[in-house]
Amino acid sequence: MAKHKTSELEGALLDAAVAKAEGREQYVLTESGGGSFRDFEPSSLWEDGGPIIERERIELEWRDNDGWWNGERVGGSRWVATMDVGVPAQIGTTPLIAAMRAYVASKLGEEVELP
């Protein structure tokens, strides 16, 4: 197991962290019948990430500027996701990435152990 900064997670690692936070498997039974499965991809599929955003009331905001974020210079526009008081806001290049980082931070903290 390796430690990863929640603020830097993306792709399959971010999806794995969300699955861990949800206490679930990383696969979803499809509706196409035959008992087939597909990957759980909340950081890129609205059908997986959308219900989490809605349930957890994650707020999303577009920031169209350059500037500093958590002590680092970030260039370009970013999505910002906020949740509970006391949970650091998270940024991402898409609303799903920002929201899933915020969700993972709220459940598992600023660092996550993943395989």
PDB file of N, CA and C in Angstrom:
ATOM      1  N   MET A   1       0.846  -1.177   0.000  1.00  0.00           N
ATOM      2  CA  MET A   1       0.000   0.000   0.000  1.00  0.00           C
ATOM      3  C   MET A   1       0.892   1.241   0.000  1.00  0.00           C
ATOM      4  N   ALA A   2       0.488   2.212  -0.802  1.00  0.00           N
ATOM      5  CA  ALA A   2       1.218   3.473  -0.886  1.00  0.00           C
ATOM      6  C   ALA A   2       0.300   4.618  -0.485  1.00  0.00           C
ATOM      7  N   LYS A   3       0.882   5.657   0.106  1.00  0.00           N
ATOM      8  CA  LYS A   3       0.108   6.841   0.477  1.00  0.00           C
ATOM      9  C   LYS A   3       0.089   7.809  -0.702  1.00  0.00           C
ATOM     10  N   HIS A   4      -1.084   8.390  -0.932  1.00  0.00           N
ATOM     11  CA  HIS A   4      -1.273   9.356  -2.008  1.00  0.00           C
ATOM     12  C   HIS A   4      -1.977  10.586  -1.440  1.00  0.00           C
ATOM     13  N   LYS A   5      -1.571  11.774  -1.917  1.00  0.00           N
ATOM     14  CA  LYS A   5      -2.267  13.002  -1.530  1.00  0.00           C
ATOM     15  C   LYS A   5      -3.630  13.019  -2.205  1.00  0.00           C
ATOM     16  N   THR A   6      -4.668  13.222  -1.427  1.00  0.00           N
ATOM     17  CA  THR A   6      -6.021  13.284  -1.969  1.00  0.00           C
ATOM     18  C   THR A   6      -6.128  14.367  -3.038  1.00  0.00           C
ATOM     19  N   SER A   7      -5.469  15.486  -2.828  1.00  0.00           N
ATOM     20  CA  SER A   7      -5.553  16.615  -3.767  1.00  0.00           C
ATOM     21  C   SER A   7      -4.914  16.322  -5.115  1.00  0.00           C
ATOM     22  N   GLU A   8      -4.155  15.237  -5.215  1.00  0.00           N
ATOM     23  CA  GLU A   8      -3.488  14.891  -6.472  1.00  0.00           C
ATOM     24  C   GLU A   8      -4.075  13.653  -7.139  1.00  0.00           C
ATOM     25  N   LEU A   9      -5.039  13.012  -6.496  1.00  0.00           N
ATOM     26  CA  LEU A   9      -5.620  11.792  -7.069  1.00  0.00           C
ATOM     27  C   LEU A   9      -6.399  12.096  -8.341  1.00  0.00           C
ATOM     28  N   GLU A  10      -6.295  11.192  -9.312  1.00  0.00           N
ATOM     29  CA  GLU A  10      -7.101  11.292 -10.523  1.00  0.00           C
ATOM     30  C   GLU A  10      -7.214   9.917 -11.152  1.00  0.00           C
ATOM     31  N   GLY A  11      -8.120   9.786 -12.098  1.00  0.00           N
ATOM     32  CA  GLY A  11      -8.284   8.535 -12.830  1.00  0.00           C
ATOM     33  C   GLY A  11      -8.614   7.356 -11.933  1.00  0.00           C
ATOM     34  N   ALA A  12      -7.982   6.219 -12.222  1.00  0.00           N
ATOM     35  CA  ALA A  12      -8.279   4.968 -11.513  1.00  0.00           C
ATOM     36  C   ALA A  12      -7.973   5.061 -10.021  1.00  0.00           C
ATOM     37  N   LEU A  13      -6.931   5.814  -9.642  1.00  0.00           N
ATOM     38  CA  LEU A  13      -6.620   5.957  -8.220  1.00  0.00           C
ATOM     39  C   LEU A  13      -7.708   6.740  -7.486  1.00  0.00           C
ATOM     40  N   LEU A  14      -8.215   7.796  -8.102  1.00  0.00           N
ATOM     41  CA  LEU A  14      -9.297   8.562  -7.487  1.00  0.00           C
ATOM     42  C   LEU A  14     -10.552   7.703  -7.385  1.00  0.00           C
ATOM     43  N   ASP A  15     -10.848   6.945  -8.434  1.00  0.00           N
ATOM     44  CA  ASP A  15     -12.013   6.052  -8.398  1.00  0.00           C
ATOM     45  C   ASP A  15     -11.876   5.004  -7.291  1.00  0.00           C
ATOM     46  N   ALA A  16     -10.668   4.461  -7.122  1.00  0.00           N
ATOM     47  CA  ALA A  16     -10.426   3.476  -6.061  1.00  0.00           C
ATOM     48  C   ALA A  16     -10.602   4.104  -4.682  1.00  0.00           C
ATOM     49  N   ALA A  17     -10.155   5.356  -4.522  1.00  0.00           N
ATOM     50  CA  ALA A  17     -10.309   6.042  -3.243  1.00  0.00           C
ATOM     51  C   ALA A  17     -11.778   6.309  -2.934  1.00  0.00           C
ATOM     52  N   VAL A  18     -12.562   6.677  -3.951  1.00  0.00           N
ATOM     53  CA  VAL A  18     -14.002   6.895  -3.744  1.00  0.00           C
ATOM     54  C   VAL A  18     -14.672   5.572  -3.356  1.00  0.00           C
ATOM     55  N   ALA A  19     -14.317   4.488  -4.040  1.00  0.00           N
ATOM     56  CA  ALA A  19     -14.882   3.174  -3.700  1.00  0.00           C
ATOM     57  C   ALA A  19     -14.540   2.818  -2.256  1.00  0.00           C
ATOM     58  N   LYS A  20     -13.314   3.091  -1.840  1.00  0.00           N
ATOM     59  CA  LYS A  20     -12.899   2.833  -0.456  1.00  0.00           C
ATOM     60  C   LYS A  20     -13.714   3.674   0.515  1.00  0.00           C
ATOM     61  N   ALA A  21     -13.905   4.948   0.203  1.00  0.00           N
ATOM     62  CA  ALA A  21     -14.691   5.834   1.058  1.00  0.00           C
ATOM     63  C   ALA A  21     -16.147   5.388   1.148  1.00  0.00           C
ATOM     64  N   GLU A  22     -16.642   4.804   0.062  1.00  0.00           N
ATOM     65  CA  GLU A  22     -18.020   4.321   0.021  1.00  0.00           C
ATOM     66  C   GLU A  22     -18.159   2.938   0.668  1.00  0.00           C
ATOM     67  N   GLY A  23     -17.021   2.265   0.906  1.00  0.00           N
ATOM     68  CA  GLY A  23     -17.065   0.912   1.461  1.00  0.00           C
ATOM     69  C   GLY A  23     -17.659  -0.077   0.475  1.00  0.00           C
ATOM     70  N   ARG A  24     -17.292   0.047  -0.782  1.00  0.00           N
ATOM     71  CA  ARG A  24     -17.887  -0.777  -1.837  1.00  0.00           C
ATOM     72  C   ARG A  24     -16.815  -1.328  -2.759  1.00  0.00           C
ATOM     73  N   GLU A  25     -17.235  -2.227  -3.621  1.00  0.00           N
ATOM     74  CA  GLU A  25     -16.358  -2.779  -4.648  1.00  0.00           C
ATOM     75  C   GLU A  25     -16.165  -1.745  -5.743  1.00  0.00           C
ATOM     76  N   GLN A  26     -15.184  -1.981  -6.586  1.00  0.00           N
ATOM     77  CA  GLN A  26     -14.906  -1.051  -7.664  1.00  0.00           C
ATOM     78  C   GLN A  26     -15.616  -1.434  -8.958  1.00  0.00           C
ATOM     79  N   TYR A  27     -16.619  -2.279  -8.847  1.00  0.00           N
ATOM     80  CA  TYR A  27     -17.358  -2.699 -10.038  1.00  0.00           C
ATOM     81  C   TYR A  27     -18.842  -2.449  -9.825  1.00  0.00           C
ATOM     82  N   VAL A  28     -19.553  -2.238 -10.932  1.00  0.00           N
ATOM     83  CA  VAL A  28     -20.977  -1.952 -10.900  1.00  0.00           C
ATOM     84  C   VAL A  28     -21.671  -2.953 -11.815  1.00  0.00           C
ATOM     85  N   LEU A  29     -22.758  -3.538 -11.346  1.00  0.00           N
ATOM     86  CA  LEU A  29     -23.563  -4.428 -12.182  1.00  0.00           C
ATOM     87  C   LEU A  29     -24.272  -3.585 -13.235  1.00  0.00           C
ATOM     88  N   THR A  30     -24.124  -3.949 -14.490  1.00  0.00           N
ATOM     89  CA  THR A  30     -24.742  -3.167 -15.559  1.00  0.00           C
ATOM     90  C   THR A  30     -26.196  -3.553 -15.734  1.00  0.00           C
ATOM     91  N   GLU A  31     -26.955  -2.670 -16.350  1.00  0.00           N
ATOM     92  CA  GLU A  31     -28.369  -2.933 -16.604  1.00  0.00           C
ATOM     93  C   GLU A  31     -28.582  -3.647 -17.932  1.00  0.00           C
ATOM     94  N   SER A  32     -27.487  -3.934 -18.622  1.00  0.00           N
ATOM     95  CA  SER A  32     -27.613  -4.557 -19.940  1.00  0.00           C
ATOM     96  C   SER A  32     -27.910  -6.044 -19.855  1.00  0.00           C
ATOM     97  N   GLY A  33     -28.071  -6.538 -18.650  1.00  0.00           N
ATOM     98  CA  GLY A  33     -28.438  -7.934 -18.484  1.00  0.00           C
ATOM     99  C   GLY A  33     -27.232  -8.854 -18.517  1.00  0.00           C
ATOM    100  N   GLY A  34     -27.487 -10.125 -18.259  1.00  0.00           N
ATOM    101  CA  GLY A  34     -26.431 -11.118 -18.305  1.00  0.00           C
ATOM    102  C   GLY A  34     -25.472 -11.054 -17.133  1.00  0.00           C
ATOM    103  N   GLY A  35     -25.762 -10.224 -16.156  1.00  0.00           N
ATOM    104  CA  GLY A  35     -24.903 -10.140 -14.987  1.00  0.00           C
ATOM    105  C   GLY A  35     -23.520  -9.596 -15.285  1.00  0.00           C
ATOM    106  N   SER A  36     -23.388  -8.733 -16.283  1.00  0.00           N
ATOM    107  CA  SER A  36     -22.067  -8.188 -16.601  1.00  0.00           C
ATOM    108  C   SER A  36     -21.748  -7.014 -15.673  1.00  0.00           C
ATOM    109  N   PHE A  37     -20.460  -6.764 -15.525  1.00  0.00           N
ATOM    110  CA  PHE A  37     -19.991  -5.706 -14.643  1.00  0.00           C
ATOM    111  C   PHE A  37     -19.167  -4.704 -15.432  1.00  0.00           C
ATOM    112  N   ARG A  38     -19.098  -3.486 -14.904  1.00  0.00           N
ATOM    113  CA  ARG A  38     -18.215  -2.463 -15.454  1.00  0.00           C
ATOM    114  C   ARG A  38     -17.524  -1.783 -14.287  1.00  0.00           C
ATOM    115  N   ASP A  39     -16.455  -1.050 -14.597  1.00  0.00           N
ATOM    116  CA  ASP A  39     -15.735  -0.330 -13.551  1.00  0.00           C
ATOM    117  C   ASP A  39     -16.603   0.780 -12.966  1.00  0.00           C
ATOM    118  N   PHE A  40     -16.441   1.017 -11.678  1.00  0.00           N
ATOM    119  CA  PHE A  40     -17.052   2.143 -10.965  1.00  0.00           C
ATOM    120  C   PHE A  40     -16.139   3.334 -11.207  1.00  0.00           C
ATOM    121  N   GLU A  41     -16.630   4.357 -11.929  1.00  0.00           N
ATOM    122  CA  GLU A  41     -15.798   5.487 -12.332  1.00  0.00           C
ATOM    123  C   GLU A  41     -16.441   6.833 -11.968  1.00  0.00           C
ATOM    124  N   PRO A  42     -16.530   7.120 -10.675  1.00  0.00           N
ATOM    125  CA  PRO A  42     -17.197   8.359 -10.257  1.00  0.00           C
ATOM    126  C   PRO A  42     -16.463   9.636 -10.638  1.00  0.00           C
ATOM    127  N   SER A  43     -15.178   9.541 -10.966  1.00  0.00           N
ATOM    128  CA  SER A  43     -14.449  10.747 -11.335  1.00  0.00           C
ATOM    129  C   SER A  43     -14.591  11.093 -12.815  1.00  0.00           C
ATOM    130  N   SER A  44     -15.271  10.213 -13.577  1.00  0.00           N
ATOM    131  CA  SER A  44     -15.456  10.518 -15.004  1.00  0.00           C
ATOM    132  C   SER A  44     -16.868  10.206 -15.515  1.00  0.00           C
ATOM    133  N   LEU A  45     -17.659   9.467 -14.769  1.00  0.00           N
ATOM    134  CA  LEU A  45     -19.033   9.153 -15.196  1.00  0.00           C
ATOM    135  C   LEU A  45     -20.043   9.786 -14.235  1.00  0.00           C
ATOM    136  N   TRP A  46     -20.888  10.648 -14.789  1.00  0.00           N
ATOM    137  CA  TRP A  46     -21.902  11.303 -13.958  1.00  0.00           C
ATOM    138  C   TRP A  46     -22.854  10.310 -13.324  1.00  0.00           C
ATOM    139  N   GLU A  47     -23.112   9.190 -13.972  1.00  0.00           N
ATOM    140  CA  GLU A  47     -24.024   8.212 -13.383  1.00  0.00           C
ATOM    141  C   GLU A  47     -23.455   7.602 -12.103  1.00  0.00           C
ATOM    142  N   ASP A  48     -22.129   7.623 -11.942  1.00  0.00           N
ATOM    143  CA  ASP A  48     -21.506   7.133 -10.716  1.00  0.00           C
ATOM    144  C   ASP A  48     -21.225   8.262  -9.724  1.00  0.00           C
ATOM    145  N   GLY A  49     -20.701   9.388 -10.204  1.00  0.00           N
ATOM    146  CA  GLY A  49     -20.336  10.484  -9.318  1.00  0.00           C
ATOM    147  C   GLY A  49     -21.478  11.414  -8.965  1.00  0.00           C
ATOM    148  N   GLY A  50     -22.420  11.586  -9.883  1.00  0.00           N
ATOM    149  CA  GLY A  50     -23.544  12.491  -9.652  1.00  0.00           C
ATOM    150  C   GLY A  50     -24.337  12.203  -8.389  1.00  0.00           C
ATOM    151  N   PRO A  51     -24.719  10.927  -8.148  1.00  0.00           N
ATOM    152  CA  PRO A  51     -25.470  10.635  -6.926  1.00  0.00           C
ATOM    153  C   PRO A  51     -24.694  10.949  -5.639  1.00  0.00           C
ATOM    154  N   ILE A  52     -23.377  10.811  -5.690  1.00  0.00           N
ATOM    155  CA  ILE A  52     -22.567  11.147  -4.513  1.00  0.00           C
ATOM    156  C   ILE A  52     -22.592  12.653  -4.289  1.00  0.00           C
ATOM    157  N   ILE A  53     -22.448  13.429  -5.353  1.00  0.00           N
ATOM    158  CA  ILE A  53     -22.507  14.896  -5.243  1.00  0.00           C
ATOM    159  C   ILE A  53     -23.845  15.321  -4.663  1.00  0.00           C
ATOM    160  N   GLU A  54     -24.905  14.728  -5.161  1.00  0.00           N
ATOM    161  CA  GLU A  54     -26.250  15.076  -4.689  1.00  0.00           C
ATOM    162  C   GLU A  54     -26.455  14.662  -3.232  1.00  0.00           C
ATOM    163  N   ARG A  55     -26.120  13.427  -2.910  1.00  0.00           N
ATOM    164  CA  ARG A  55     -26.321  12.900  -1.554  1.00  0.00           C
ATOM    165  C   ARG A  55     -25.502  13.670  -0.523  1.00  0.00           C
ATOM    166  N   GLU A  56     -24.251  13.990  -0.870  1.00  0.00           N
ATOM    167  CA  GLU A  56     -23.350  14.655   0.071  1.00  0.00           C
ATOM    168  C   GLU A  56     -23.446  16.174   0.019  1.00  0.00           C
ATOM    169  N   ARG A  57     -24.271  16.687  -0.905  1.00  0.00           N
ATOM    170  CA  ARG A  57     -24.462  18.126  -1.076  1.00  0.00           C
ATOM    171  C   ARG A  57     -23.129  18.854  -1.308  1.00  0.00           C
ATOM    172  N   ILE A  58     -22.370  18.310  -2.238  1.00  0.00           N
ATOM    173  CA  ILE A  58     -21.086  18.914  -2.583  1.00  0.00           C
ATOM    174  C   ILE A  58     -21.350  20.134  -3.454  1.00  0.00           C
ATOM    175  N   GLU A  59     -20.774  21.244  -3.059  1.00  0.00           N
ATOM    176  CA  GLU A  59     -20.951  22.491  -3.814  1.00  0.00           C
ATOM    177  C   GLU A  59     -19.809  22.645  -4.807  1.00  0.00           C
ATOM    178  N   LEU A  60     -20.155  23.034  -6.032  1.00  0.00           N
ATOM    179  CA  LEU A  60     -19.169  23.213  -7.097  1.00  0.00           C
ATOM    180  C   LEU A  60     -19.191  24.639  -7.604  1.00  0.00           C
ATOM    181  N   GLU A  61     -17.999  25.163  -7.868  1.00  0.00           N
ATOM    182  CA  GLU A  61     -17.875  26.529  -8.359  1.00  0.00           C
ATOM    183  C   GLU A  61     -16.732  26.580  -9.357  1.00  0.00           C
ATOM    184  N   TRP A  62     -16.929  27.313 -10.442  1.00  0.00           N
ATOM    185  CA  TRP A  62     -15.899  27.513 -11.456  1.00  0.00           C
ATOM    186  C   TRP A  62     -15.115  28.771 -11.115  1.00  0.00           C
ATOM    187  N   ARG A  63     -13.795  28.660 -11.041  1.00  0.00           N
ATOM    188  CA  ARG A  63     -12.946  29.824 -10.791  1.00  0.00           C
ATOM    189  C   ARG A  63     -12.105  30.063 -12.039  1.00  0.00           C
ATOM    190  N   ASP A  64     -12.345  31.178 -12.664  1.00  0.00           N
ATOM    191  CA  ASP A  64     -11.705  31.512 -13.932  1.00  0.00           C
ATOM    192  C   ASP A  64     -10.559  32.492 -13.709  1.00  0.00           C
ATOM    193  N   ASN A  65      -9.464  31.961 -13.101  1.00  0.00           N
ATOM    194  CA  ASN A  65      -8.318  32.828 -12.873  1.00  0.00           C
ATOM    195  C   ASN A  65      -7.080  32.005 -12.547  1.00  0.00           C
ATOM    196  N   ASP A  66      -5.944  32.673 -12.576  1.00  0.00           N
ATOM    197  CA  ASP A  66      -4.694  32.074 -12.114  1.00  0.00           C
ATOM    198  C   ASP A  66      -4.494  32.502 -10.670  1.00  0.00           C
ATOM    199  N   GLY A  67      -3.750  31.727  -9.937  1.00  0.00           N
ATOM    200  CA  GLY A  67      -3.490  32.134  -8.567  1.00  0.00           C
ATOM    201  C   GLY A  67      -2.827  31.042  -7.762  1.00  0.00           C
ATOM    202  N   TRP A  68      -2.953  31.171  -6.457  1.00  0.00           N
ATOM    203  CA  TRP A  68      -2.343  30.234  -5.523  1.00  0.00           C
ATOM    204  C   TRP A  68      -3.421  29.350  -4.926  1.00  0.00           C
ATOM    205  N   TRP A  69      -3.078  28.101  -4.679  1.00  0.00           N
ATOM    206  CA  TRP A  69      -4.009  27.170  -4.044  1.00  0.00           C
ATOM    207  C   TRP A  69      -3.211  26.289  -3.094  1.00  0.00           C
ATOM    208  N   ASN A  70      -3.521  26.358  -1.815  1.00  0.00           N
ATOM    209  CA  ASN A  70      -2.834  25.568  -0.795  1.00  0.00           C
ATOM    210  C   ASN A  70      -1.318  25.691  -0.897  1.00  0.00           C
ATOM    211  N   GLY A  71      -0.849  26.923  -1.101  1.00  0.00           N
ATOM    212  CA  GLY A  71       0.570  27.176  -1.136  1.00  0.00           C
ATOM    213  C   GLY A  71       1.259  26.876  -2.452  1.00  0.00           C
ATOM    214  N   GLU A  72       0.504  26.458  -3.458  1.00  0.00           N
ATOM    215  CA  GLU A  72       1.082  26.150  -4.762  1.00  0.00           C
ATOM    216  C   GLU A  72       0.488  27.067  -5.818  1.00  0.00           C
ATOM    217  N   ARG A  73       1.307  27.443  -6.763  1.00  0.00           N
ATOM    218  CA  ARG A  73       0.842  28.267  -7.885  1.00  0.00           C
ATOM    219  C   ARG A  73       0.096  27.370  -8.851  1.00  0.00           C
ATOM    220  N   VAL A  74      -1.154  27.711  -9.139  1.00  0.00           N
ATOM    221  CA  VAL A  74      -1.942  26.950 -10.118  1.00  0.00           C
ATOM    222  C   VAL A  74      -2.294  27.887 -11.261  1.00  0.00           C
ATOM    223  N   GLY A  75      -2.069  27.424 -12.456  1.00  0.00           N
ATOM    224  CA  GLY A  75      -2.384  28.220 -13.629  1.00  0.00           C
ATOM    225  C   GLY A  75      -3.693  27.781 -14.243  1.00  0.00           C
ATOM    226  N   GLY A  76      -4.399  28.705 -14.808  1.00  0.00           N
ATOM    227  CA  GLY A  76      -5.629  28.363 -15.506  1.00  0.00           C
ATOM    228  C   GLY A  76      -6.829  28.245 -14.595  1.00  0.00           C
ATOM    229  N   SER A  77      -7.944  27.986 -15.201  1.00  0.00           N
ATOM    230  CA  SER A  77      -9.209  27.891 -14.478  1.00  0.00           C
ATOM    231  C   SER A  77      -9.368  26.507 -13.859  1.00  0.00           C
ATOM    232  N   ARG A  78     -10.119  26.460 -12.795  1.00  0.00           N
ATOM    233  CA  ARG A  78     -10.321  25.212 -12.065  1.00  0.00           C
ATOM    234  C   ARG A  78     -11.725  25.149 -11.488  1.00  0.00           C
ATOM    235  N   TRP A  79     -12.202  23.937 -11.296  1.00  0.00           N
ATOM    236  CA  TRP A  79     -13.419  23.702 -10.531  1.00  0.00           C
ATOM    237  C   TRP A  79     -13.017  23.591  -9.070  1.00  0.00           C
ATOM    238  N   VAL A  80     -13.828  24.149  -8.196  1.00  0.00           N
ATOM    239  CA  VAL A  80     -13.596  24.081  -6.761  1.00  0.00           C
ATOM    240  C   VAL A  80     -14.801  23.395  -6.138  1.00  0.00           C
ATOM    241  N   ALA A  81     -14.532  22.388  -5.310  1.00  0.00           N
ATOM    242  CA  ALA A  81     -15.602  21.652  -4.626  1.00  0.00           C
ATOM    243  C   ALA A  81     -15.454  21.845  -3.128  1.00  0.00           C
ATOM    244  N   THR A  82     -16.563  22.186  -2.475  1.00  0.00           N
ATOM    245  CA  THR A  82     -16.556  22.362  -1.027  1.00  0.00           C
ATOM    246  C   THR A  82     -17.654  21.507  -0.412  1.00  0.00           C
ATOM    247  N   MET A  83     -17.392  21.114   0.841  1.00  0.00           N
ATOM    248  CA  MET A  83     -18.357  20.299   1.583  1.00  0.00           C
ATOM    249  C   MET A  83     -18.550  20.895   2.963  1.00  0.00           C
ATOM    250  N   ASP A  84     -18.328  20.068   3.962  1.00  0.00           N
ATOM    251  CA  ASP A  84     -18.527  20.460   5.350  1.00  0.00           C
ATOM    252  C   ASP A  84     -17.498  21.483   5.808  1.00  0.00           C
ATOM    253  N   VAL A  85     -17.866  22.221   6.836  1.00  0.00           N
ATOM    254  CA  VAL A  85     -16.913  23.102   7.493  1.00  0.00           C
ATOM    255  C   VAL A  85     -15.820  22.208   8.078  1.00  0.00           C
ATOM    256  N   GLY A  86     -14.591  22.619   7.903  1.00  0.00           N
ATOM    257  CA  GLY A  86     -13.489  21.822   8.427  1.00  0.00           C
ATOM    258  C   GLY A  86     -12.878  20.879   7.405  1.00  0.00           C
ATOM    259  N   VAL A  87     -13.534  20.694   6.271  1.00  0.00           N
ATOM    260  CA  VAL A  87     -12.985  19.870   5.194  1.00  0.00           C
ATOM    261  C   VAL A  87     -12.415  20.812   4.148  1.00  0.00           C
ATOM    262  N   PRO A  88     -11.118  20.693   3.854  1.00  0.00           N
ATOM    263  CA  PRO A  88     -10.529  21.606   2.875  1.00  0.00           C
ATOM    264  C   PRO A  88     -11.196  21.487   1.501  1.00  0.00           C
ATOM    265  N   ALA A  89     -11.412  22.614   0.854  1.00  0.00           N
ATOM    266  CA  ALA A  89     -11.936  22.600  -0.512  1.00  0.00           C
ATOM    267  C   ALA A  89     -10.924  21.905  -1.413  1.00  0.00           C
ATOM    268  N   GLN A  90     -11.405  21.317  -2.478  1.00  0.00           N
ATOM    269  CA  GLN A  90     -10.547  20.618  -3.426  1.00  0.00           C
ATOM    270  C   GLN A  90     -10.753  21.211  -4.811  1.00  0.00           C
ATOM    271  N   ILE A  91      -9.712  21.146  -5.646  1.00  0.00           N
ATOM    272  CA  ILE A  91      -9.820  21.650  -7.007  1.00  0.00           C
ATOM    273  C   ILE A  91      -9.630  20.510  -7.993  1.00  0.00           C
ATOM    274  N   GLY A  92     -10.086  20.744  -9.234  1.00  0.00           N
ATOM    275  CA  GLY A  92      -9.904  19.769 -10.292  1.00  0.00           C
ATOM    276  C   GLY A  92     -10.179  20.390 -11.643  1.00  0.00           C
ATOM    277  N   THR A  93      -9.737  19.714 -12.680  1.00  0.00           N
ATOM    278  CA  THR A  93      -9.952  20.214 -14.033  1.00  0.00           C
ATOM    279  C   THR A  93     -11.377  19.966 -14.509  1.00  0.00           C
ATOM    280  N   THR A  94     -12.103  19.081 -13.825  1.00  0.00           N
ATOM    281  CA  THR A  94     -13.514  18.836 -14.122  1.00  0.00           C
ATOM    282  C   THR A  94     -14.293  18.897 -12.815  1.00  0.00           C
ATOM    283  N   PRO A  95     -15.611  19.113 -12.894  1.00  0.00           N
ATOM    284  CA  PRO A  95     -16.396  19.137 -11.649  1.00  0.00           C
ATOM    285  C   PRO A  95     -16.379  17.787 -10.932  1.00  0.00           C
ATOM    286  N   LEU A  96     -16.362  16.689 -11.683  1.00  0.00           N
ATOM    287  CA  LEU A  96     -16.352  15.372 -11.045  1.00  0.00           C
ATOM    288  C   LEU A  96     -15.050  15.115 -10.296  1.00  0.00           C
ATOM    289  N   ILE A  97     -13.919  15.497 -10.885  1.00  0.00           N
ATOM    290  CA  ILE A  97     -12.639  15.301 -10.200  1.00  0.00           C
ATOM    291  C   ILE A  97     -12.597  16.119  -8.920  1.00  0.00           C
ATOM    292  N   ALA A  98     -12.968  17.391  -8.984  1.00  0.00           N
ATOM    293  CA  ALA A  98     -12.963  18.239  -7.789  1.00  0.00           C
ATOM    294  C   ALA A  98     -13.902  17.684  -6.720  1.00  0.00           C
ATOM    295  N   ALA A  99     -15.095  17.286  -7.117  1.00  0.00           N
ATOM    296  CA  ALA A  99     -16.088  16.781  -6.156  1.00  0.00           C
ATOM    297  C   ALA A  99     -15.649  15.471  -5.519  1.00  0.00           C
ATOM    298  N   MET A 100     -15.080  14.570  -6.309  1.00  0.00           N
ATOM    299  CA  MET A 100     -14.664  13.287  -5.750  1.00  0.00           C
ATOM    300  C   MET A 100     -13.457  13.456  -4.834  1.00  0.00           C
ATOM    301  N   ARG A 101     -12.579  14.398  -5.139  1.00  0.00           N
ATOM    302  CA  ARG A 101     -11.470  14.693  -4.220  1.00  0.00           C
ATOM    303  C   ARG A 101     -12.011  15.239  -2.902  1.00  0.00           C
ATOM    304  N   ALA A 102     -13.010  16.112  -2.974  1.00  0.00           N
ATOM    305  CA  ALA A 102     -13.608  16.656  -1.754  1.00  0.00           C
ATOM    306  C   ALA A 102     -14.267  15.550  -0.939  1.00  0.00           C
ATOM    307  N   TYR A 103     -14.959  14.653  -1.613  1.00  0.00           N
ATOM    308  CA  TYR A 103     -15.627  13.542  -0.923  1.00  0.00           C
ATOM    309  C   TYR A 103     -14.604  12.654  -0.223  1.00  0.00           C
ATOM    310  N   VAL A 104     -13.544  12.277  -0.936  1.00  0.00           N
ATOM    311  CA  VAL A 104     -12.504  11.430  -0.349  1.00  0.00           C
ATOM    312  C   VAL A 104     -11.848  12.140   0.834  1.00  0.00           C
ATOM    313  N   ALA A 105     -11.556  13.430   0.687  1.00  0.00           N
ATOM    314  CA  ALA A 105     -10.951  14.188   1.787  1.00  0.00           C
ATOM    315  C   ALA A 105     -11.851  14.192   3.019  1.00  0.00           C
ATOM    316  N   SER A 106     -13.161  14.281   2.803  1.00  0.00           N
ATOM    317  CA  SER A 106     -14.094  14.325   3.934  1.00  0.00           C
ATOM    318  C   SER A 106     -14.196  12.983   4.650  1.00  0.00           C
ATOM    319  N   LYS A 107     -14.005  11.897   3.926  1.00  0.00           N
ATOM    320  CA  LYS A 107     -14.151  10.558   4.508  1.00  0.00           C
ATOM    321  C   LYS A 107     -12.826   9.938   4.946  1.00  0.00           C
ATOM    322  N   LEU A 108     -11.751  10.186   4.177  1.00  0.00           N
ATOM    323  CA  LEU A 108     -10.493   9.479   4.417  1.00  0.00           C
ATOM    324  C   LEU A 108      -9.320  10.392   4.755  1.00  0.00           C
ATOM    325  N   GLY A 109      -9.496  11.705   4.606  1.00  0.00           N
ATOM    326  CA  GLY A 109      -8.446  12.635   4.958  1.00  0.00           C
ATOM    327  C   GLY A 109      -7.622  13.117   3.777  1.00  0.00           C
ATOM    328  N   GLU A 110      -6.562  13.853   4.085  1.00  0.00           N
ATOM    329  CA  GLU A 110      -5.747  14.489   3.054  1.00  0.00           C
ATOM    330  C   GLU A 110      -4.758  13.524   2.407  1.00  0.00           C
ATOM    331  N   GLU A 111      -4.566  12.348   2.981  1.00  0.00           N
ATOM    332  CA  GLU A 111      -3.756  11.285   2.386  1.00  0.00           C
ATOM    333  C   GLU A 111      -4.524   9.983   2.484  1.00  0.00           C
ATOM    334  N   VAL A 112      -4.372   9.167   1.433  1.00  0.00           N
ATOM    335  CA  VAL A 112      -5.113   7.907   1.347  1.00  0.00           C
ATOM    336  C   VAL A 112      -4.142   6.779   1.018  1.00  0.00           C
ATOM    337  N   GLU A 113      -4.299   5.663   1.697  1.00  0.00           N
ATOM    338  CA  GLU A 113      -3.495   4.478   1.374  1.00  0.00           C
ATOM    339  C   GLU A 113      -4.242   3.647   0.337  1.00  0.00           C
ATOM    340  N   LEU A 114      -3.577   3.434  -0.788  1.00  0.00           N
ATOM    341  CA  LEU A 114      -4.153   2.653  -1.886  1.00  0.00           C
ATOM    342  C   LEU A 114      -3.109   1.687  -2.424  1.00  0.00           C
ATOM    343  N   PRO A 115      -3.556   0.565  -2.982  1.00  0.00           N
ATOM    344  CA  PRO A 115      -2.589  -0.374  -3.557  1.00  0.00           C
ATOM    345  C   PRO A 115      -1.908   0.196  -4.797  1.00  0.00           C
TER     346      PRO A 115
END
